Amino acid sequence: MPKRLSLLLLTLLALPAFSQQGWRDEHGQLAPDTDSRRSVNGFGGSLLVTPDADWQAKWQTPSDTVPQFAVAKVVPRGQQVFFLIFFANPLLKEGGAADITCDIDVLRPDGKATFHQLDMPCFKGVINEPVTHTFLSPTVIGWTGDAADPSGAWVLRVLLKDNVRRVRVPLRTSFELK
């Protein structure tokens, strides 16, 4: 793994924002799918690149508090950003366990992968909250652009897979490295 990519782990927490039909906005209305937030056959995924070094503290709040994350659209060299993967409404195995994996690609402006990982565990275990809550995957990637990295649009692609439901949710976002 390149030195500027690091995996971080956290405790699973949840907040309401999903229904069986898809993602909901802050007013409870169905939100349209986007490249970085969508649902397929009842399983939802969302992807965020944030410069918030305190993302974990923002997430670890009471479930009735909606955390506010800054979105990284332009990233200066040397600034660390974090790739957050959210999911909602996984189908559970008998006993209440979810089995979610993800394929992750970080693509340089020329389209070449700087990070490529298939079937990374995104969450495996029992969920004791309503599955329609939004969960943050324990797989969080920290990334920092260094002097050798090309300027331009970097792309983050995640294929989020609910292995019990056998559904895949393709997610994509990008940011500009300056």
N, C-alpha and C. Protein backbone atom coordinates (compact mmCIF):
# COMPACT_ATOMS: atom_id res chain seq x y z
N MET A 1 0.85 -1.18 0.00
CA MET A 1 0.00 0.00 0.00
C MET A 1 0.89 1.24 0.00
N PRO A 2 0.61 2.22 -0.87
CA PRO A 2 1.42 3.45 -0.87
C PRO A 2 1.39 4.10 0.50
N LYS A 3 2.46 4.78 0.84
CA LYS A 3 2.60 5.35 2.17
C LYS A 3 1.55 6.41 2.49
N ARG A 4 1.01 7.07 1.47
CA ARG A 4 0.06 8.14 1.76
C ARG A 4 -1.38 7.65 1.90
N LEU A 5 -1.62 6.37 1.68
CA LEU A 5 -2.93 5.79 1.93
C LEU A 5 -2.87 5.02 3.23
N SER A 6 -3.77 5.31 4.12
CA SER A 6 -3.79 4.58 5.38
C SER A 6 -5.21 4.16 5.69
N LEU A 7 -5.37 2.98 6.21
CA LEU A 7 -6.69 2.51 6.61
C LEU A 7 -6.89 2.80 8.08
N LEU A 8 -8.04 3.30 8.41
CA LEU A 8 -8.38 3.63 9.78
C LEU A 8 -9.63 2.85 10.15
N LEU A 9 -9.75 2.46 11.40
CA LEU A 9 -10.92 1.72 11.85
C LEU A 9 -11.67 2.52 12.90
N LEU A 10 -12.98 2.32 12.95
CA LEU A 10 -13.79 3.01 13.95
C LEU A 10 -14.94 2.12 14.38
N THR A 11 -15.65 2.56 15.37
CA THR A 11 -16.80 1.85 15.88
C THR A 11 -18.02 2.19 15.03
N LEU A 12 -18.84 1.20 14.75
CA LEU A 12 -20.05 1.40 13.97
C LEU A 12 -21.08 2.21 14.76
N LEU A 13 -21.56 3.27 14.18
CA LEU A 13 -22.64 4.07 14.75
C LEU A 13 -23.66 4.35 13.65
N ALA A 14 -24.82 4.84 13.99
CA ALA A 14 -25.86 5.04 12.99
C ALA A 14 -26.65 6.32 13.21
N LEU A 15 -27.26 6.81 12.13
CA LEU A 15 -28.20 7.90 12.21
C LEU A 15 -29.27 7.71 11.15
N PRO A 16 -30.51 8.11 11.40
CA PRO A 16 -31.57 7.88 10.42
C PRO A 16 -31.38 8.74 9.17
N ALA A 17 -31.58 8.16 7.99
CA ALA A 17 -31.55 8.93 6.74
C ALA A 17 -31.94 8.08 5.54
N PHE A 18 -32.42 6.87 5.75
CA PHE A 18 -32.73 5.98 4.64
C PHE A 18 -34.06 5.30 4.92
N SER A 19 -34.79 5.03 3.87
CA SER A 19 -36.01 4.24 4.00
C SER A 19 -35.90 3.09 3.01
N GLN A 20 -36.83 2.19 3.04
CA GLN A 20 -36.79 1.05 2.11
C GLN A 20 -36.77 1.53 0.65
N GLN A 21 -37.24 2.73 0.38
CA GLN A 21 -37.30 3.25 -0.98
C GLN A 21 -36.03 3.99 -1.41
N GLY A 22 -35.19 4.41 -0.47
CA GLY A 22 -33.97 5.12 -0.85
C GLY A 22 -33.59 6.19 0.15
N TRP A 23 -32.61 7.01 -0.25
CA TRP A 23 -32.09 8.07 0.61
C TRP A 23 -33.12 9.17 0.80
N ARG A 24 -33.11 9.75 1.98
CA ARG A 24 -34.03 10.84 2.34
C ARG A 24 -33.22 12.10 2.63
N ASP A 25 -33.78 13.26 2.29
CA ASP A 25 -33.12 14.52 2.63
C ASP A 25 -33.50 14.92 4.06
N GLU A 26 -33.01 16.08 4.50
CA GLU A 26 -33.25 16.51 5.88
C GLU A 26 -34.71 16.78 6.19
N HIS A 27 -35.58 16.86 5.14
CA HIS A 27 -37.00 17.08 5.33
C HIS A 27 -37.80 15.79 5.18
N GLY A 28 -37.10 14.65 5.02
CA GLY A 28 -37.76 13.37 4.90
C GLY A 28 -38.22 13.01 3.49
N GLN A 29 -37.90 13.87 2.53
CA GLN A 29 -38.30 13.61 1.14
C GLN A 29 -37.28 12.70 0.46
N LEU A 30 -37.76 11.85 -0.46
CA LEU A 30 -36.84 11.00 -1.21
C LEU A 30 -35.86 11.87 -1.98
N ALA A 31 -34.59 11.54 -1.88
CA ALA A 31 -33.54 12.28 -2.57
C ALA A 31 -33.16 11.51 -3.84
N PRO A 32 -32.94 12.22 -4.94
CA PRO A 32 -32.56 11.52 -6.17
C PRO A 32 -31.16 10.92 -6.06
N ASP A 33 -30.95 9.83 -6.79
CA ASP A 33 -29.63 9.23 -6.84
C ASP A 33 -28.64 10.18 -7.51
N THR A 34 -27.40 10.12 -7.05
CA THR A 34 -26.30 10.86 -7.66
C THR A 34 -25.16 9.87 -7.86
N ASP A 35 -24.07 10.31 -8.46
CA ASP A 35 -22.91 9.44 -8.63
C ASP A 35 -22.36 8.97 -7.28
N SER A 36 -22.43 9.83 -6.28
CA SER A 36 -21.83 9.51 -4.98
C SER A 36 -22.82 9.01 -3.93
N ARG A 37 -24.10 8.99 -4.27
CA ARG A 37 -25.12 8.51 -3.31
C ARG A 37 -26.26 7.88 -4.11
N ARG A 38 -26.48 6.59 -3.89
CA ARG A 38 -27.56 5.92 -4.62
C ARG A 38 -28.03 4.70 -3.86
N SER A 39 -29.14 4.16 -4.34
CA SER A 39 -29.63 2.89 -3.80
C SER A 39 -29.99 1.98 -4.97
N VAL A 40 -29.80 0.69 -4.73
CA VAL A 40 -30.12 -0.34 -5.72
C VAL A 40 -30.86 -1.45 -4.98
N ASN A 41 -32.09 -1.73 -5.42
CA ASN A 41 -32.90 -2.80 -4.82
C ASN A 41 -32.97 -2.70 -3.29
N GLY A 42 -33.11 -1.50 -2.78
CA GLY A 42 -33.29 -1.29 -1.35
C GLY A 42 -32.02 -1.12 -0.55
N PHE A 43 -30.85 -1.37 -1.15
CA PHE A 43 -29.56 -1.21 -0.45
C PHE A 43 -28.96 0.13 -0.87
N GLY A 44 -28.56 0.94 0.10
CA GLY A 44 -28.06 2.28 -0.20
C GLY A 44 -26.59 2.43 0.13
N GLY A 45 -25.92 3.26 -0.67
CA GLY A 45 -24.52 3.58 -0.43
C GLY A 45 -24.27 5.05 -0.69
N SER A 46 -23.28 5.58 0.00
CA SER A 46 -22.90 6.97 -0.18
C SER A 46 -21.39 7.09 0.04
N LEU A 47 -20.78 8.00 -0.68
CA LEU A 47 -19.33 8.16 -0.67
C LEU A 47 -19.01 9.63 -0.48
N LEU A 48 -18.04 9.92 0.38
CA LEU A 48 -17.68 11.31 0.69
C LEU A 48 -16.18 11.43 0.86
N VAL A 49 -15.62 12.47 0.26
CA VAL A 49 -14.22 12.84 0.50
C VAL A 49 -14.26 14.10 1.36
N THR A 50 -13.70 14.01 2.56
CA THR A 50 -13.75 15.14 3.49
C THR A 50 -12.35 15.54 3.96
N PRO A 51 -12.10 16.83 4.14
CA PRO A 51 -10.84 17.28 4.73
C PRO A 51 -10.90 17.29 6.26
N ASP A 52 -12.05 16.95 6.82
CA ASP A 52 -12.25 17.04 8.27
C ASP A 52 -11.41 16.00 9.01
N ALA A 53 -10.34 16.45 9.62
CA ALA A 53 -9.51 15.55 10.43
C ALA A 53 -10.28 15.03 11.63
N ASP A 54 -11.33 15.74 12.02
CA ASP A 54 -12.15 15.34 13.16
C ASP A 54 -13.40 14.57 12.73
N TRP A 55 -13.34 13.93 11.57
CA TRP A 55 -14.51 13.20 11.05
C TRP A 55 -15.03 12.17 12.04
N GLN A 56 -14.13 11.51 12.77
CA GLN A 56 -14.57 10.48 13.70
C GLN A 56 -15.36 11.10 14.86
N ALA A 57 -14.88 12.20 15.38
CA ALA A 57 -15.61 12.88 16.47
C ALA A 57 -16.96 13.39 15.98
N LYS A 58 -16.99 13.88 14.74
CA LYS A 58 -18.27 14.35 14.18
C LYS A 58 -19.25 13.21 14.03
N TRP A 59 -18.75 12.04 13.67
CA TRP A 59 -19.62 10.88 13.48
C TRP A 59 -20.10 10.31 14.81
N GLN A 60 -19.24 10.29 15.81
CA GLN A 60 -19.57 9.66 17.09
C GLN A 60 -20.38 10.61 17.97
N THR A 61 -21.58 10.87 17.53
CA THR A 61 -22.52 11.72 18.25
C THR A 61 -23.80 10.92 18.48
N PRO A 62 -24.71 11.42 19.32
CA PRO A 62 -25.99 10.71 19.49
C PRO A 62 -26.69 10.52 18.14
N SER A 63 -27.44 9.43 18.03
CA SER A 63 -28.07 9.10 16.74
C SER A 63 -29.07 10.13 16.26
N ASP A 64 -29.55 11.01 17.14
CA ASP A 64 -30.47 12.05 16.69
C ASP A 64 -29.74 13.31 16.22
N THR A 65 -28.41 13.30 16.25
CA THR A 65 -27.60 14.42 15.76
C THR A 65 -27.04 14.06 14.39
N VAL A 66 -27.32 14.90 13.41
CA VAL A 66 -26.81 14.65 12.06
C VAL A 66 -25.45 15.33 11.93
N PRO A 67 -24.38 14.54 11.72
CA PRO A 67 -23.06 15.15 11.60
C PRO A 67 -22.94 15.94 10.30
N GLN A 68 -22.19 17.01 10.35
CA GLN A 68 -21.96 17.85 9.17
C GLN A 68 -20.49 17.71 8.78
N PHE A 69 -20.24 17.17 7.58
CA PHE A 69 -18.88 17.01 7.07
C PHE A 69 -18.64 17.99 5.94
N ALA A 70 -17.46 18.60 5.92
CA ALA A 70 -17.06 19.41 4.77
C ALA A 70 -16.75 18.45 3.62
N VAL A 71 -17.02 18.88 2.40
CA VAL A 71 -16.73 18.07 1.22
C VAL A 71 -15.49 18.65 0.54
N ALA A 72 -14.52 17.78 0.28
CA ALA A 72 -13.27 18.23 -0.37
C ALA A 72 -13.48 18.21 -1.88
N LYS A 73 -13.50 19.38 -2.47
CA LYS A 73 -13.58 19.50 -3.93
C LYS A 73 -12.21 19.87 -4.50
N VAL A 74 -11.47 20.74 -3.79
CA VAL A 74 -10.11 21.11 -4.16
C VAL A 74 -9.22 20.77 -2.96
N VAL A 75 -8.18 19.99 -3.24
CA VAL A 75 -7.30 19.51 -2.17
C VAL A 75 -5.88 20.01 -2.43
N PRO A 76 -5.33 20.84 -1.55
CA PRO A 76 -3.94 21.27 -1.71
C PRO A 76 -2.98 20.12 -1.40
N ARG A 77 -1.85 20.11 -2.07
CA ARG A 77 -0.82 19.11 -1.77
C ARG A 77 -0.46 19.16 -0.30
N GLY A 78 -0.28 18.00 0.28
CA GLY A 78 0.09 17.91 1.68
C GLY A 78 -1.09 17.87 2.63
N GLN A 79 -2.30 18.19 2.17
CA GLN A 79 -3.47 18.14 3.05
C GLN A 79 -4.06 16.73 3.00
N GLN A 80 -4.30 16.16 4.15
CA GLN A 80 -4.90 14.83 4.20
C GLN A 80 -6.41 14.95 4.06
N VAL A 81 -6.98 14.05 3.26
CA VAL A 81 -8.43 13.92 3.15
C VAL A 81 -8.79 12.48 3.52
N PHE A 82 -10.07 12.27 3.80
CA PHE A 82 -10.54 10.97 4.24
C PHE A 82 -11.69 10.53 3.35
N PHE A 83 -11.64 9.28 2.92
CA PHE A 83 -12.68 8.69 2.09
C PHE A 83 -13.63 7.93 3.00
N LEU A 84 -14.86 8.43 3.13
CA LEU A 84 -15.86 7.83 4.00
C LEU A 84 -16.90 7.10 3.15
N ILE A 85 -17.19 5.86 3.52
CA ILE A 85 -18.16 5.04 2.81
C ILE A 85 -19.31 4.75 3.76
N PHE A 86 -20.51 5.15 3.36
CA PHE A 86 -21.71 4.94 4.16
C PHE A 86 -22.60 3.89 3.49
N PHE A 87 -23.38 3.18 4.29
CA PHE A 87 -24.32 2.23 3.72
C PHE A 87 -25.59 2.22 4.58
N ALA A 88 -26.67 1.72 3.98
CA ALA A 88 -27.94 1.61 4.70
C ALA A 88 -28.75 0.47 4.12
N ASN A 89 -29.53 -0.14 4.97
CA ASN A 89 -30.49 -1.17 4.63
C ASN A 89 -29.89 -2.44 4.03
N PRO A 90 -28.82 -2.96 4.63
CA PRO A 90 -28.32 -4.24 4.13
C PRO A 90 -29.30 -5.36 4.51
N LEU A 91 -29.34 -6.39 3.71
CA LEU A 91 -30.10 -7.57 4.07
C LEU A 91 -29.25 -8.35 5.07
N LEU A 92 -29.89 -8.83 6.12
CA LEU A 92 -29.16 -9.52 7.18
C LEU A 92 -29.32 -11.03 7.08
N LYS A 93 -28.27 -11.74 7.43
CA LYS A 93 -28.32 -13.20 7.53
C LYS A 93 -29.12 -13.56 8.78
N GLU A 94 -29.44 -14.83 8.90
CA GLU A 94 -30.06 -15.30 10.13
C GLU A 94 -29.13 -14.96 11.29
N GLY A 95 -29.64 -14.40 12.32
CA GLY A 95 -28.82 -13.96 13.45
C GLY A 95 -28.51 -12.48 13.39
N GLY A 96 -28.92 -11.79 12.33
CA GLY A 96 -28.77 -10.34 12.26
C GLY A 96 -27.46 -9.82 11.73
N ALA A 97 -26.68 -10.65 11.05
CA ALA A 97 -25.37 -10.21 10.56
C ALA A 97 -25.44 -9.71 9.12
N ALA A 98 -24.72 -8.64 8.87
CA ALA A 98 -24.56 -8.11 7.51
C ALA A 98 -23.21 -8.58 6.96
N ASP A 99 -23.12 -8.64 5.64
CA ASP A 99 -21.88 -9.01 4.97
C ASP A 99 -21.70 -8.07 3.78
N ILE A 100 -20.89 -7.05 4.00
CA ILE A 100 -20.70 -6.01 2.97
C ILE A 100 -19.22 -5.91 2.64
N THR A 101 -18.92 -5.98 1.36
CA THR A 101 -17.55 -5.78 0.90
C THR A 101 -17.56 -4.65 -0.13
N CYS A 102 -16.37 -4.18 -0.47
CA CYS A 102 -16.31 -3.13 -1.48
C CYS A 102 -15.01 -3.23 -2.28
N ASP A 103 -15.12 -2.85 -3.54
CA ASP A 103 -13.97 -2.69 -4.41
C ASP A 103 -13.66 -1.19 -4.40
N ILE A 104 -12.41 -0.83 -4.20
CA ILE A 104 -12.03 0.58 -4.11
C ILE A 104 -10.93 0.87 -5.12
N ASP A 105 -11.11 1.95 -5.88
CA ASP A 105 -10.11 2.43 -6.82
C ASP A 105 -9.90 3.93 -6.61
N VAL A 106 -8.65 4.34 -6.50
CA VAL A 106 -8.28 5.75 -6.50
C VAL A 106 -7.53 5.97 -7.80
N LEU A 107 -8.09 6.82 -8.67
CA LEU A 107 -7.54 7.02 -10.01
C LEU A 107 -6.90 8.39 -10.16
N ARG A 108 -5.71 8.39 -10.71
CA ARG A 108 -4.99 9.63 -11.01
C ARG A 108 -5.69 10.36 -12.16
N PRO A 109 -5.32 11.60 -12.45
CA PRO A 109 -5.94 12.34 -13.55
C PRO A 109 -5.78 11.64 -14.91
N ASP A 110 -4.73 10.82 -15.08
CA ASP A 110 -4.55 10.10 -16.35
C ASP A 110 -5.34 8.79 -16.38
N GLY A 111 -6.13 8.50 -15.33
CA GLY A 111 -6.96 7.31 -15.29
C GLY A 111 -6.27 6.08 -14.71
N LYS A 112 -4.99 6.17 -14.42
CA LYS A 112 -4.27 5.03 -13.84
C LYS A 112 -4.58 4.93 -12.34
N ALA A 113 -4.70 3.68 -11.90
CA ALA A 113 -5.01 3.45 -10.48
C ALA A 113 -3.77 3.64 -9.63
N THR A 114 -3.91 4.41 -8.57
CA THR A 114 -2.86 4.53 -7.56
C THR A 114 -3.16 3.62 -6.38
N PHE A 115 -4.41 3.20 -6.28
CA PHE A 115 -4.85 2.26 -5.25
C PHE A 115 -5.97 1.44 -5.85
N HIS A 116 -5.88 0.12 -5.73
CA HIS A 116 -6.89 -0.79 -6.27
C HIS A 116 -7.02 -1.96 -5.31
N GLN A 117 -8.19 -2.16 -4.77
CA GLN A 117 -8.41 -3.25 -3.83
C GLN A 117 -9.78 -3.85 -4.10
N LEU A 118 -9.83 -5.17 -4.27
CA LEU A 118 -11.09 -5.88 -4.49
C LEU A 118 -11.54 -6.55 -3.21
N ASP A 119 -12.84 -6.60 -3.03
CA ASP A 119 -13.47 -7.33 -1.92
C ASP A 119 -12.92 -6.97 -0.54
N MET A 120 -12.69 -5.68 -0.33
CA MET A 120 -12.30 -5.21 1.00
C MET A 120 -13.49 -5.36 1.94
N PRO A 121 -13.29 -5.83 3.16
CA PRO A 121 -14.41 -5.89 4.10
C PRO A 121 -14.87 -4.46 4.44
N CYS A 122 -16.12 -4.15 4.13
CA CYS A 122 -16.67 -2.85 4.49
C CYS A 122 -17.52 -2.94 5.74
N PHE A 123 -18.10 -4.09 5.99
CA PHE A 123 -18.74 -4.37 7.27
C PHE A 123 -19.16 -5.82 7.29
N LYS A 124 -18.78 -6.51 8.34
CA LYS A 124 -19.22 -7.89 8.56
C LYS A 124 -19.51 -8.02 10.04
N GLY A 125 -20.75 -8.33 10.34
CA GLY A 125 -21.11 -8.50 11.74
C GLY A 125 -22.57 -8.22 11.99
N VAL A 126 -22.95 -8.36 13.24
CA VAL A 126 -24.33 -8.17 13.67
C VAL A 126 -24.63 -6.67 13.73
N ILE A 127 -25.80 -6.32 13.27
CA ILE A 127 -26.29 -4.94 13.37
C ILE A 127 -27.45 -4.95 14.35
N ASN A 128 -27.32 -4.16 15.41
CA ASN A 128 -28.34 -4.12 16.45
C ASN A 128 -29.20 -2.86 16.39
N GLU A 129 -29.05 -2.10 15.33
CA GLU A 129 -29.85 -0.90 15.08
C GLU A 129 -30.83 -1.21 13.95
N PRO A 130 -31.84 -0.37 13.74
CA PRO A 130 -32.67 -0.56 12.55
C PRO A 130 -31.76 -0.45 11.30
N VAL A 131 -31.90 -1.38 10.37
CA VAL A 131 -31.01 -1.40 9.21
C VAL A 131 -31.21 -0.19 8.30
N THR A 132 -32.32 0.52 8.45
CA THR A 132 -32.53 1.72 7.64
C THR A 132 -31.78 2.93 8.15
N HIS A 133 -31.08 2.80 9.29
CA HIS A 133 -30.17 3.86 9.71
C HIS A 133 -29.00 3.91 8.73
N THR A 134 -28.28 5.00 8.75
CA THR A 134 -27.08 5.13 7.93
C THR A 134 -25.89 4.73 8.78
N PHE A 135 -25.07 3.84 8.24
CA PHE A 135 -23.89 3.33 8.94
C PHE A 135 -22.64 3.76 8.21
N LEU A 136 -21.60 4.04 8.96
CA LEU A 136 -20.30 4.37 8.39
C LEU A 136 -19.46 3.11 8.39
N SER A 137 -18.95 2.75 7.23
CA SER A 137 -18.09 1.58 7.13
C SER A 137 -16.84 1.77 7.98
N PRO A 138 -16.40 0.73 8.67
CA PRO A 138 -15.15 0.84 9.42
C PRO A 138 -13.93 1.02 8.52
N THR A 139 -14.08 0.76 7.23
CA THR A 139 -12.97 0.96 6.29
C THR A 139 -12.96 2.42 5.87
N VAL A 140 -12.03 3.17 6.42
CA VAL A 140 -11.86 4.59 6.08
C VAL A 140 -10.44 4.74 5.57
N ILE A 141 -10.30 5.43 4.45
CA ILE A 141 -8.97 5.62 3.86
C ILE A 141 -8.55 7.07 4.03
N GLY A 142 -7.36 7.27 4.56
CA GLY A 142 -6.76 8.60 4.62
C GLY A 142 -5.81 8.75 3.43
N TRP A 143 -5.87 9.86 2.71
CA TRP A 143 -5.07 10.07 1.51
C TRP A 143 -4.46 11.47 1.54
N THR A 144 -3.20 11.56 1.13
CA THR A 144 -2.51 12.84 1.03
C THR A 144 -1.78 12.91 -0.31
N GLY A 145 -2.02 13.95 -1.07
CA GLY A 145 -1.30 14.16 -2.32
C GLY A 145 0.08 14.72 -2.02
N ASP A 146 1.12 14.12 -2.62
CA ASP A 146 2.46 14.63 -2.38
C ASP A 146 3.01 15.29 -3.65
N ALA A 147 4.25 15.77 -3.59
CA ALA A 147 4.85 16.53 -4.69
C ALA A 147 4.92 15.75 -6.00
N ALA A 148 5.03 14.44 -5.93
CA ALA A 148 5.15 13.63 -7.15
C ALA A 148 3.79 13.34 -7.80
N ASP A 149 2.70 13.61 -7.10
CA ASP A 149 1.37 13.34 -7.65
C ASP A 149 0.96 14.42 -8.64
N PRO A 150 0.35 14.03 -9.77
CA PRO A 150 -0.06 15.01 -10.76
C PRO A 150 -1.25 15.86 -10.31
N SER A 151 -1.23 17.11 -10.69
CA SER A 151 -2.38 17.99 -10.44
C SER A 151 -3.52 17.55 -11.36
N GLY A 152 -4.72 17.86 -10.94
CA GLY A 152 -5.88 17.56 -11.76
C GLY A 152 -6.94 16.80 -10.99
N ALA A 153 -7.90 16.26 -11.74
CA ALA A 153 -9.04 15.58 -11.16
C ALA A 153 -8.70 14.13 -10.80
N TRP A 154 -8.76 13.82 -9.53
CA TRP A 154 -8.58 12.47 -9.02
C TRP A 154 -9.97 11.89 -8.78
N VAL A 155 -10.13 10.62 -9.08
CA VAL A 155 -11.44 9.96 -8.98
C VAL A 155 -11.37 8.85 -7.94
N LEU A 156 -12.39 8.79 -7.12
CA LEU A 156 -12.56 7.71 -6.16
C LEU A 156 -13.78 6.91 -6.60
N ARG A 157 -13.57 5.62 -6.85
CA ARG A 157 -14.67 4.72 -7.23
C ARG A 157 -14.78 3.61 -6.18
N VAL A 158 -16.02 3.36 -5.78
CA VAL A 158 -16.29 2.29 -4.83
C VAL A 158 -17.47 1.48 -5.36
N LEU A 159 -17.29 0.17 -5.41
CA LEU A 159 -18.39 -0.73 -5.71
C LEU A 159 -18.75 -1.39 -4.38
N LEU A 160 -19.87 -0.95 -3.80
CA LEU A 160 -20.33 -1.42 -2.50
C LEU A 160 -21.22 -2.63 -2.72
N LYS A 161 -20.91 -3.74 -2.05
CA LYS A 161 -21.61 -5.00 -2.33
C LYS A 161 -22.25 -5.57 -1.07
N ASP A 162 -23.58 -5.69 -1.11
CA ASP A 162 -24.31 -6.40 -0.07
C ASP A 162 -24.31 -7.86 -0.50
N ASN A 163 -23.47 -8.66 0.13
CA ASN A 163 -23.28 -10.05 -0.30
C ASN A 163 -24.43 -10.96 0.09
N VAL A 164 -25.28 -10.54 1.04
CA VAL A 164 -26.45 -11.33 1.41
C VAL A 164 -27.56 -11.07 0.38
N ARG A 165 -27.79 -9.82 0.07
CA ARG A 165 -28.82 -9.45 -0.89
C ARG A 165 -28.37 -9.70 -2.33
N ARG A 166 -27.06 -9.79 -2.51
CA ARG A 166 -26.44 -9.96 -3.84
C ARG A 166 -26.77 -8.78 -4.74
N VAL A 167 -26.48 -7.61 -4.20
CA VAL A 167 -26.68 -6.38 -4.96
C VAL A 167 -25.42 -5.54 -4.86
N ARG A 168 -25.15 -4.78 -5.91
CA ARG A 168 -23.97 -3.92 -5.98
C ARG A 168 -24.39 -2.48 -6.23
N VAL A 169 -23.76 -1.58 -5.50
CA VAL A 169 -24.05 -0.15 -5.64
C VAL A 169 -22.77 0.54 -6.09
N PRO A 170 -22.72 1.01 -7.35
CA PRO A 170 -21.53 1.72 -7.82
C PRO A 170 -21.57 3.18 -7.37
N LEU A 171 -20.47 3.64 -6.78
CA LEU A 171 -20.38 5.01 -6.29
C LEU A 171 -19.12 5.64 -6.87
N ARG A 172 -19.20 6.96 -7.08
CA ARG A 172 -18.06 7.67 -7.68
C ARG A 172 -18.09 9.12 -7.21
N THR A 173 -16.90 9.63 -6.90
CA THR A 173 -16.76 11.06 -6.62
C THR A 173 -15.37 11.47 -7.06
N SER A 174 -15.12 12.77 -7.07
CA SER A 174 -13.80 13.25 -7.51
C SER A 174 -13.43 14.51 -6.73
N PHE A 175 -12.13 14.82 -6.82
CA PHE A 175 -11.63 16.05 -6.21
C PHE A 175 -10.44 16.51 -7.05
N GLU A 176 -10.15 17.77 -6.96
CA GLU A 176 -9.05 18.39 -7.72
C GLU A 176 -7.83 18.52 -6.81
N LEU A 177 -6.69 17.94 -7.24
CA LEU A 177 -5.46 18.10 -6.50
C LEU A 177 -4.73 19.29 -7.07
N LYS A 178 -4.38 20.26 -6.22
CA LYS A 178 -3.68 21.49 -6.65
C LYS A 178 -2.32 21.55 -5.98
